[in-house]
Protein backbone atom coordinates (compact mmCIF):
# COMPACT_ATOMS: atom_id res chain seq x y z
CA UNK A 1 -32.13 8.44 -109.89
CA UNK A 2 -30.41 6.12 -112.75
CA UNK A 3 -30.38 2.47 -112.91
CA UNK A 4 -28.57 0.62 -115.40
CA UNK A 5 -27.73 -3.32 -115.95
CA UNK A 6 -28.94 -3.59 -111.91
CA UNK A 7 -26.98 -0.70 -110.47
CA UNK A 8 -28.67 2.24 -108.99
CA UNK A 9 -27.00 5.69 -109.21
CA UNK A 10 -27.66 8.54 -107.22
CA UNK A 11 -27.05 11.82 -109.24
CA UNK A 12 -25.98 14.75 -107.88
CA UNK A 13 -25.80 17.64 -110.55
CA UNK A 14 -23.22 19.86 -108.48
CA UNK A 15 -23.07 22.86 -111.03
CA UNK A 16 -25.88 24.65 -112.60
CA UNK A 17 -27.51 27.97 -113.10
CA UNK A 18 -30.74 29.51 -113.59
CA UNK A 19 -29.94 32.91 -116.08
CA UNK A 20 -31.45 35.80 -118.33
CA UNK A 21 -29.26 36.63 -121.03
CA UNK A 22 -32.29 38.35 -122.87
CA UNK A 23 -31.56 41.39 -124.92
CA UNK A 24 -33.62 43.15 -122.40
CA UNK A 25 -31.06 41.95 -119.59
CA UNK A 26 -27.87 43.11 -121.64
CA UNK A 27 -26.08 45.77 -120.48
CA UNK A 28 -23.88 45.94 -122.88
CA UNK A 29 -21.79 44.49 -126.04
CA UNK A 30 -20.10 42.12 -123.60
CA UNK A 31 -23.48 40.47 -122.21
CA UNK A 32 -24.52 39.35 -126.03
CA UNK A 33 -20.39 37.98 -126.43
CA UNK A 34 -20.81 36.20 -123.11
CA UNK A 35 -23.91 34.25 -124.16
CA UNK A 36 -22.76 33.91 -127.54
CA UNK A 37 -19.93 32.36 -126.64
CA UNK A 38 -22.05 30.05 -124.14
CA UNK A 39 -23.86 28.97 -127.02
CA UNK A 40 -21.17 28.11 -129.03
CA UNK A 41 -20.00 25.26 -126.58
CA UNK A 42 -23.56 24.05 -126.20
CA UNK A 43 -23.61 24.03 -129.96
CA UNK A 44 -20.44 22.76 -131.09
CA UNK A 45 -20.58 19.85 -127.99
CA UNK A 46 -23.73 18.73 -128.39
CA UNK A 47 -25.18 15.80 -130.16
CA UNK A 48 -28.05 17.29 -132.52
CA UNK A 49 -30.71 15.48 -131.02
CA UNK A 50 -29.92 17.86 -127.95
CA UNK A 51 -29.65 21.12 -129.13
CA UNK A 52 -31.38 24.03 -128.31
CA UNK A 53 -32.93 27.15 -130.36
CA UNK A 54 -30.87 30.12 -129.59
CA UNK A 55 -33.62 32.10 -128.47
CA UNK A 56 -34.87 29.23 -125.69
CA UNK A 57 -31.22 29.61 -124.32
CA UNK A 58 -31.52 33.12 -123.58
CA UNK A 59 -33.64 32.81 -120.55
CA UNK A 60 -35.15 28.96 -120.05
CA UNK A 61 -36.92 29.47 -117.03
CA UNK A 62 -37.57 27.51 -113.22
CA UNK A 63 -40.15 25.07 -114.98
CA UNK A 64 -37.96 24.27 -118.08
CA UNK A 65 -34.82 23.12 -115.36
CA UNK A 66 -36.98 21.32 -113.13
CA UNK A 67 -38.30 18.79 -116.32
CA UNK A 68 -34.54 18.94 -117.58
CA UNK A 69 -33.39 17.95 -114.19
CA UNK A 70 -35.42 15.95 -112.38
CA UNK A 71 -38.15 14.60 -114.66
CA UNK A 72 -36.39 13.73 -117.72
CA UNK A 73 -32.88 13.87 -116.76
CA UNK A 74 -32.34 11.50 -113.55
CA UNK A 75 -31.08 13.83 -111.43
CA UNK A 76 -31.50 13.54 -107.42
CA UNK A 77 -30.28 16.81 -106.50
CA UNK A 78 -28.63 19.83 -107.90
CA UNK A 79 -26.40 22.65 -106.81
CA UNK A 80 -27.22 26.56 -108.44
CA UNK A 81 -23.58 28.03 -108.92
CA UNK A 82 -24.50 31.25 -109.96
CA UNK A 83 -22.38 33.87 -111.73
CA UNK A 84 -23.15 37.27 -111.36
CA UNK A 85 -21.44 39.20 -114.05
CA UNK A 86 -23.20 42.60 -113.23
CA UNK A 87 -20.87 44.75 -115.11
CA UNK A 88 -22.20 42.51 -118.58
CA UNK A 89 -25.90 42.59 -117.11
CA UNK A 90 -28.29 44.54 -115.43
CA UNK A 91 -29.85 42.74 -113.26
CA UNK A 92 -26.79 39.87 -113.28
CA UNK A 93 -26.88 37.14 -115.42
CA UNK A 94 -27.60 34.45 -113.06
CA UNK A 95 -30.83 34.84 -111.28
CA UNK A 96 -30.15 35.13 -107.81
CA UNK A 97 -34.50 35.61 -106.59
CA UNK A 98 -35.90 33.10 -108.67
CA UNK A 99 -33.23 30.62 -108.53
CA UNK A 100 -33.11 30.68 -104.36
CA UNK A 101 -36.87 30.46 -104.41
CA UNK A 102 -37.29 27.70 -106.58
CA UNK A 103 -34.36 25.89 -103.96
CA UNK A 104 -37.10 27.44 -101.13
CA UNK A 105 -39.71 25.45 -102.79
CA UNK A 106 -37.71 22.44 -103.19
CA UNK A 107 -35.00 21.60 -100.65
CA UNK A 108 -34.90 17.85 -100.87
CA UNK A 109 -34.27 18.84 -104.73
CA UNK A 110 -32.20 22.18 -104.87
CA UNK A 111 -29.44 23.61 -102.99
CA UNK A 112 -28.75 27.24 -103.13
CA UNK A 113 -25.26 28.73 -103.51
CA UNK A 114 -24.35 32.40 -103.62
CA UNK A 115 -21.06 34.51 -105.30
CA UNK A 116 -19.26 37.45 -103.26
CA UNK A 117 -16.72 39.53 -105.20
CA UNK A 118 -13.62 40.49 -102.40
CA UNK A 119 -12.88 44.22 -104.73
CA UNK A 120 -16.47 45.23 -102.71
CA UNK A 121 -14.03 44.99 -99.72
CA UNK A 122 -16.16 45.74 -96.40
CA UNK A 123 -19.10 46.70 -98.32
CA UNK A 124 -19.03 43.31 -99.66
CA UNK A 125 -17.85 41.24 -96.55
CA UNK A 126 -21.02 42.68 -94.75
CA UNK A 127 -23.18 41.91 -97.67
CA UNK A 128 -21.80 38.48 -97.19
CA UNK A 129 -22.48 38.13 -94.08
CA UNK A 130 -26.00 39.12 -94.69
CA UNK A 131 -26.28 36.36 -97.66
CA UNK A 132 -25.16 33.64 -95.38
CA UNK A 133 -27.99 34.04 -92.95
CA UNK A 134 -30.59 34.71 -95.46
CA UNK A 135 -29.70 32.13 -97.82
CA UNK A 136 -28.49 29.55 -95.42
CA UNK A 137 -24.90 29.36 -97.65
CA UNK A 138 -22.94 25.79 -97.10
CA UNK A 139 -20.57 27.12 -100.70
CA UNK A 140 -20.24 29.76 -102.75
CA UNK A 141 -18.96 30.08 -105.88
CA UNK A 142 -16.30 32.61 -107.52
CA UNK A 143 -15.65 34.03 -111.02
CA UNK A 144 -12.33 35.24 -110.61
CA UNK A 145 -12.26 36.86 -113.93
CA UNK A 146 -15.04 38.76 -113.26
CA UNK A 147 -15.06 42.35 -114.58
CA UNK A 148 -15.29 45.85 -112.24
CA UNK A 149 -14.61 49.46 -113.07
CA UNK A 150 -10.79 48.93 -114.59
CA UNK A 151 -9.91 45.68 -113.03
CA UNK A 152 -10.62 42.37 -115.22
CA UNK A 153 -10.03 40.14 -112.30
CA UNK A 154 -8.80 38.89 -108.81
CA UNK A 155 -6.78 36.51 -107.79
CA UNK A 156 -7.84 33.73 -104.35
CA UNK A 157 -4.46 34.70 -102.74
CA UNK A 158 -5.40 38.74 -102.91
CA UNK A 159 -5.36 39.93 -99.44
CA UNK A 160 -9.14 41.07 -99.38
CA UNK A 161 -9.76 37.84 -100.95
CA UNK A 162 -8.34 36.21 -97.39
CA UNK A 163 -11.04 38.40 -95.60
CA UNK A 164 -13.55 36.95 -97.46
CA UNK A 165 -12.33 33.22 -97.06
CA UNK A 166 -11.65 33.92 -92.82
CA UNK A 167 -15.46 35.12 -93.01
CA UNK A 168 -16.56 32.03 -94.83
CA UNK A 169 -14.76 29.93 -92.48
CA UNK A 170 -16.52 31.81 -89.97
CA UNK A 171 -19.87 31.42 -91.08
CA UNK A 172 -19.86 27.63 -91.76
CA UNK A 173 -19.41 28.19 -95.57
CA UNK A 174 -17.14 25.44 -96.16
CA UNK A 175 -17.09 24.86 -100.25
CA UNK A 176 -15.97 26.89 -102.29
CA UNK A 177 -16.48 26.38 -106.33
CA UNK A 178 -13.86 28.40 -108.29
CA UNK A 179 -14.68 28.87 -112.18
CA UNK A 180 -11.49 27.70 -113.24
CA UNK A 181 -11.67 26.95 -116.99
CA UNK A 182 -11.76 27.97 -120.62
CA UNK A 183 -12.00 31.44 -121.84
CA UNK A 184 -15.43 32.91 -121.90
CA UNK A 185 -15.90 35.77 -124.11
CA UNK A 186 -14.86 38.66 -123.48
CA UNK A 187 -13.14 37.40 -120.10
CA UNK A 188 -9.51 37.25 -119.94
CA UNK A 189 -7.75 33.66 -120.38
CA UNK A 190 -4.89 34.55 -117.42
CA UNK A 191 -7.44 35.46 -114.82
CA UNK A 192 -8.89 31.75 -115.25
CA UNK A 193 -5.64 30.54 -114.40
CA UNK A 194 -5.48 28.01 -111.57
CA UNK A 195 -2.27 28.78 -109.62
CA UNK A 196 -4.16 31.10 -106.78
CA UNK A 197 -5.84 27.79 -105.69
CA UNK A 198 -2.82 26.48 -104.62
CA UNK A 199 -1.75 29.04 -101.61
CA UNK A 200 -5.37 29.46 -100.77
CA UNK A 201 -5.74 25.61 -100.10
CA UNK A 202 -2.69 25.48 -98.41
CA UNK A 203 -3.61 28.23 -96.20
CA UNK A 204 -7.64 27.23 -95.47
CA UNK A 205 -7.15 23.64 -94.86
CA UNK A 206 -10.47 23.63 -93.35
CA UNK A 207 -11.87 24.77 -96.33
CA UNK A 208 -12.97 22.61 -99.59
CA UNK A 209 -12.00 24.23 -102.53
CA UNK A 210 -13.94 22.63 -105.71
CA UNK A 211 -12.05 23.33 -109.09
CA UNK A 212 -14.93 23.97 -111.46
CA UNK A 213 -14.20 22.70 -115.49
CA UNK A 214 -11.15 20.78 -113.21
CA UNK A 215 -8.54 23.86 -114.24
CA UNK A 216 -9.19 23.39 -118.51
CA UNK A 217 -7.28 23.85 -120.59
CA UNK A 218 -4.65 23.88 -117.54
CA UNK A 219 -5.57 20.35 -116.54
CA UNK A 220 -1.76 19.34 -115.76
CA UNK A 221 -1.15 22.33 -113.44
CA UNK A 222 -4.46 21.72 -111.56
CA UNK A 223 -3.74 17.52 -110.92
CA UNK A 224 -0.32 18.96 -109.93
CA UNK A 225 -1.86 21.22 -106.95
CA UNK A 226 -4.79 18.87 -106.35
CA UNK A 227 -2.23 15.84 -105.44
CA UNK A 228 -0.37 18.03 -103.47
CA UNK A 229 -3.80 19.69 -101.46
CA UNK A 230 -6.00 17.18 -99.94
CA UNK A 231 -8.85 19.61 -100.17
CA UNK A 232 -9.02 20.34 -103.59
CA UNK A 233 -11.54 19.08 -105.64
CA UNK A 234 -12.52 18.57 -109.40
CA UNK A 235 -15.54 19.49 -110.96
CA UNK A 236 -16.25 18.50 -114.37
CA UNK A 237 -18.30 20.59 -115.85
CA UNK A 238 -17.41 21.28 -119.43
CA UNK A 239 -15.29 18.00 -119.17
CA UNK A 240 -18.74 16.27 -119.80
CA UNK A 241 -19.58 16.72 -122.48
CA UNK A 242 -16.46 15.57 -124.44
CA UNK A 243 -17.18 12.41 -123.64
CA UNK A 244 -19.39 13.14 -127.27
CA UNK A 245 -17.17 15.00 -129.19
CA UNK A 246 -13.69 13.81 -128.49
CA UNK A 247 -14.31 10.60 -126.02
CA UNK A 248 -10.25 9.48 -126.50
CA UNK A 249 -9.65 13.27 -124.95
CA UNK A 250 -12.59 12.59 -122.29
CA UNK A 251 -10.80 9.50 -121.29
CA UNK A 252 -7.35 11.15 -120.79
CA UNK A 253 -9.11 13.81 -118.89
CA UNK A 254 -10.66 11.44 -116.23
CA UNK A 255 -7.68 9.15 -116.31
CA UNK A 256 -5.65 12.06 -115.16
CA UNK A 257 -7.97 12.87 -112.50
CA UNK A 258 -8.30 9.67 -111.25
CA UNK A 259 -4.56 8.94 -111.18
CA UNK A 260 -4.02 12.41 -109.06
CA UNK A 261 -6.58 12.52 -107.42
CA UNK A 262 -8.65 9.80 -107.32
CA UNK A 263 -12.59 8.85 -107.07
CA UNK A 264 -13.66 10.73 -104.23
CA UNK A 265 -12.67 14.10 -104.90
CA UNK A 266 -14.56 14.29 -108.57
CA UNK A 267 -17.82 15.63 -108.75
CA UNK A 268 -20.22 15.62 -111.82
CA UNK A 269 -21.92 18.09 -113.38
CA UNK A 270 -23.97 18.56 -116.47
CA UNK A 271 -23.05 22.75 -116.17
CA UNK A 272 -27.09 23.20 -117.08
CA UNK A 273 -28.08 24.60 -119.18
CA UNK A 274 -25.06 24.68 -121.35
CA UNK A 275 -25.54 20.86 -121.52
CA UNK A 276 -28.63 18.86 -120.20
CA UNK A 277 -27.68 16.16 -117.79
CA UNK A 278 -29.71 13.24 -119.37
CA UNK A 279 -27.39 12.78 -122.20
CA UNK A 280 -23.92 12.82 -120.16
CA UNK A 281 -24.84 10.45 -117.00
CA UNK A 282 -26.15 7.75 -119.69
CA UNK A 283 -23.03 7.57 -121.90
CA UNK A 284 -20.77 8.08 -118.40
CA UNK A 285 -22.57 5.12 -116.99
CA UNK A 286 -21.62 3.25 -120.21
CA UNK A 287 -18.01 4.71 -120.79
CA UNK A 288 -15.16 2.91 -120.39
CA UNK A 289 -11.51 3.72 -121.00
CA UNK A 290 -10.59 2.63 -124.42
CA UNK A 291 -8.31 -0.98 -124.69
CA UNK A 292 -5.38 0.64 -125.84
CA UNK A 293 -5.30 3.73 -123.21
CA UNK A 294 -5.79 1.30 -120.21
CA UNK A 295 -2.04 0.32 -119.72
CA UNK A 296 -1.48 3.95 -118.77
CA UNK A 297 -5.63 4.39 -117.31
CA UNK A 298 -7.21 2.00 -115.35
CA UNK A 299 -10.28 1.03 -116.16
CA UNK A 300 -13.38 3.01 -114.57
CA UNK A 301 -15.12 0.77 -112.22
CA UNK A 302 -18.85 1.01 -110.97
CA UNK A 303 -18.47 2.19 -107.88
CA UNK A 304 -16.27 4.61 -108.78
CA UNK A 305 -19.14 6.13 -111.65
CA UNK A 306 -21.28 6.20 -108.16
CA UNK A 307 -18.87 8.69 -106.20
CA UNK A 308 -18.21 10.93 -109.61
CA UNK A 309 -22.03 10.65 -110.38
CA UNK A 310 -23.76 12.09 -106.69
CA UNK A 311 -22.10 10.33 -103.77
CA UNK A 312 -18.64 12.75 -103.38
CA UNK A 313 -21.09 16.04 -103.64
CA UNK A 314 -23.44 14.40 -101.62
CA UNK A 315 -21.18 13.83 -98.51
CA UNK A 316 -19.67 17.28 -99.58
CA UNK A 317 -22.78 18.71 -98.72
CA UNK A 318 -24.75 17.07 -96.20
CA UNK A 319 -27.13 15.23 -99.17
CA UNK A 320 -29.54 12.18 -97.47
CA UNK A 321 -28.52 9.21 -100.21
CA UNK A 322 -30.98 6.13 -100.39
CA UNK A 323 -28.96 3.49 -98.25
CA UNK A 324 -28.91 0.58 -100.98
CA UNK A 325 -26.94 3.12 -103.04
CA UNK A 326 -25.18 4.48 -100.62
CA UNK A 327 -23.97 0.86 -99.39
CA UNK A 328 -23.03 -0.41 -103.17
CA UNK A 329 -19.81 2.24 -103.03
CA UNK A 330 -16.56 0.82 -101.61
CA UNK A 331 -15.47 3.01 -97.83
CA UNK A 332 -14.53 6.29 -98.88
CA UNK A 333 -10.80 6.75 -99.38
CA UNK A 334 -10.28 3.12 -100.99
CA UNK A 335 -8.89 3.79 -104.45
CA UNK A 336 -7.42 1.60 -107.55
CA UNK A 337 -5.28 4.58 -108.53
CA UNK A 338 -1.92 3.46 -109.46
CA UNK A 339 -0.19 6.62 -109.12
CA UNK A 340 -0.01 9.51 -105.80
CA UNK A 341 -3.93 9.88 -105.79
CA UNK A 342 -3.99 7.16 -103.16
CA UNK A 343 -1.65 8.95 -100.44
CA UNK A 344 -3.56 12.06 -101.05
CA UNK A 345 -6.62 10.20 -100.24
CA UNK A 346 -6.27 8.94 -97.07
CA UNK A 347 -6.53 13.11 -96.06
CA UNK A 348 -9.31 13.64 -98.84
CA UNK A 349 -12.88 12.54 -97.98
CA UNK A 350 -15.49 14.44 -99.13
CA UNK A 351 -16.79 16.66 -96.82
CA UNK A 352 -13.50 17.16 -94.82
CA UNK A 353 -10.38 19.06 -95.48
């Protein structure tokens, strides 16, 4: 938990990973391209004091993860959002067995989400059912731009994707996280387009669609979809580090999200290990919309920051929150936004669709 100026913030890091991008796990040149692109994001958007050596970045392991998040990083709970990337890595990029084992050892601190790919059709659907039972899944992470054979991506409204979403509904997997953000080399930009979220969210109103990276660089497209679909949520992974390199750009991002969605449908994440949570949390708690932008974007409140930093994700995943921290927040659904968010938030409580 993070405390500042007499306020306690319950922290849920809603998007973390435990990856292995070492040369021995790279299947081809694309594996190196992918992790090098990750490292470029890390290097270009981090404070100098937070930079990791490249070799450590390739694989950091469970011990460092626990220290960076829960000892140094103020995090109370974190959610694994793995990417398979089996076309690039021999044993996968996100380390399923290691991450799941860690979550089993620390169920009070970690939740393990898994992944699926509808292009495996019936075989993959059968595997999803086994995975749901084994991992006790409440959520999944989808990478619509992932390569498989000659295919370089799929869409949320593809027929087989709908069959998988129907299975998620049946299995009680209510939280569908989708990478819809910046292109990562060598994946294709168009495969991350947010347009397919609209149809899926309309057709599966009992599922939560958490758009990771809030659609960047397609923020406007995302916001126009999310304000119409009350079961669409914004994940702040990748957006967060702009608080350091481009604070006015970050103010625009968070200002637009609060205008269109309100504070009940926005989730903090460090995207660990792209960035570590400690400095992001510290800076977000201290952050305020610049005065010369407040004629368009309302100032951030402590209540909004508490919801974004942890209470929203905690509600979605039924994570226990200390009574004192929860009581300090306003009732869910209350919004200070001046735009269409107020209308949408009535139906958009965290964890509900």
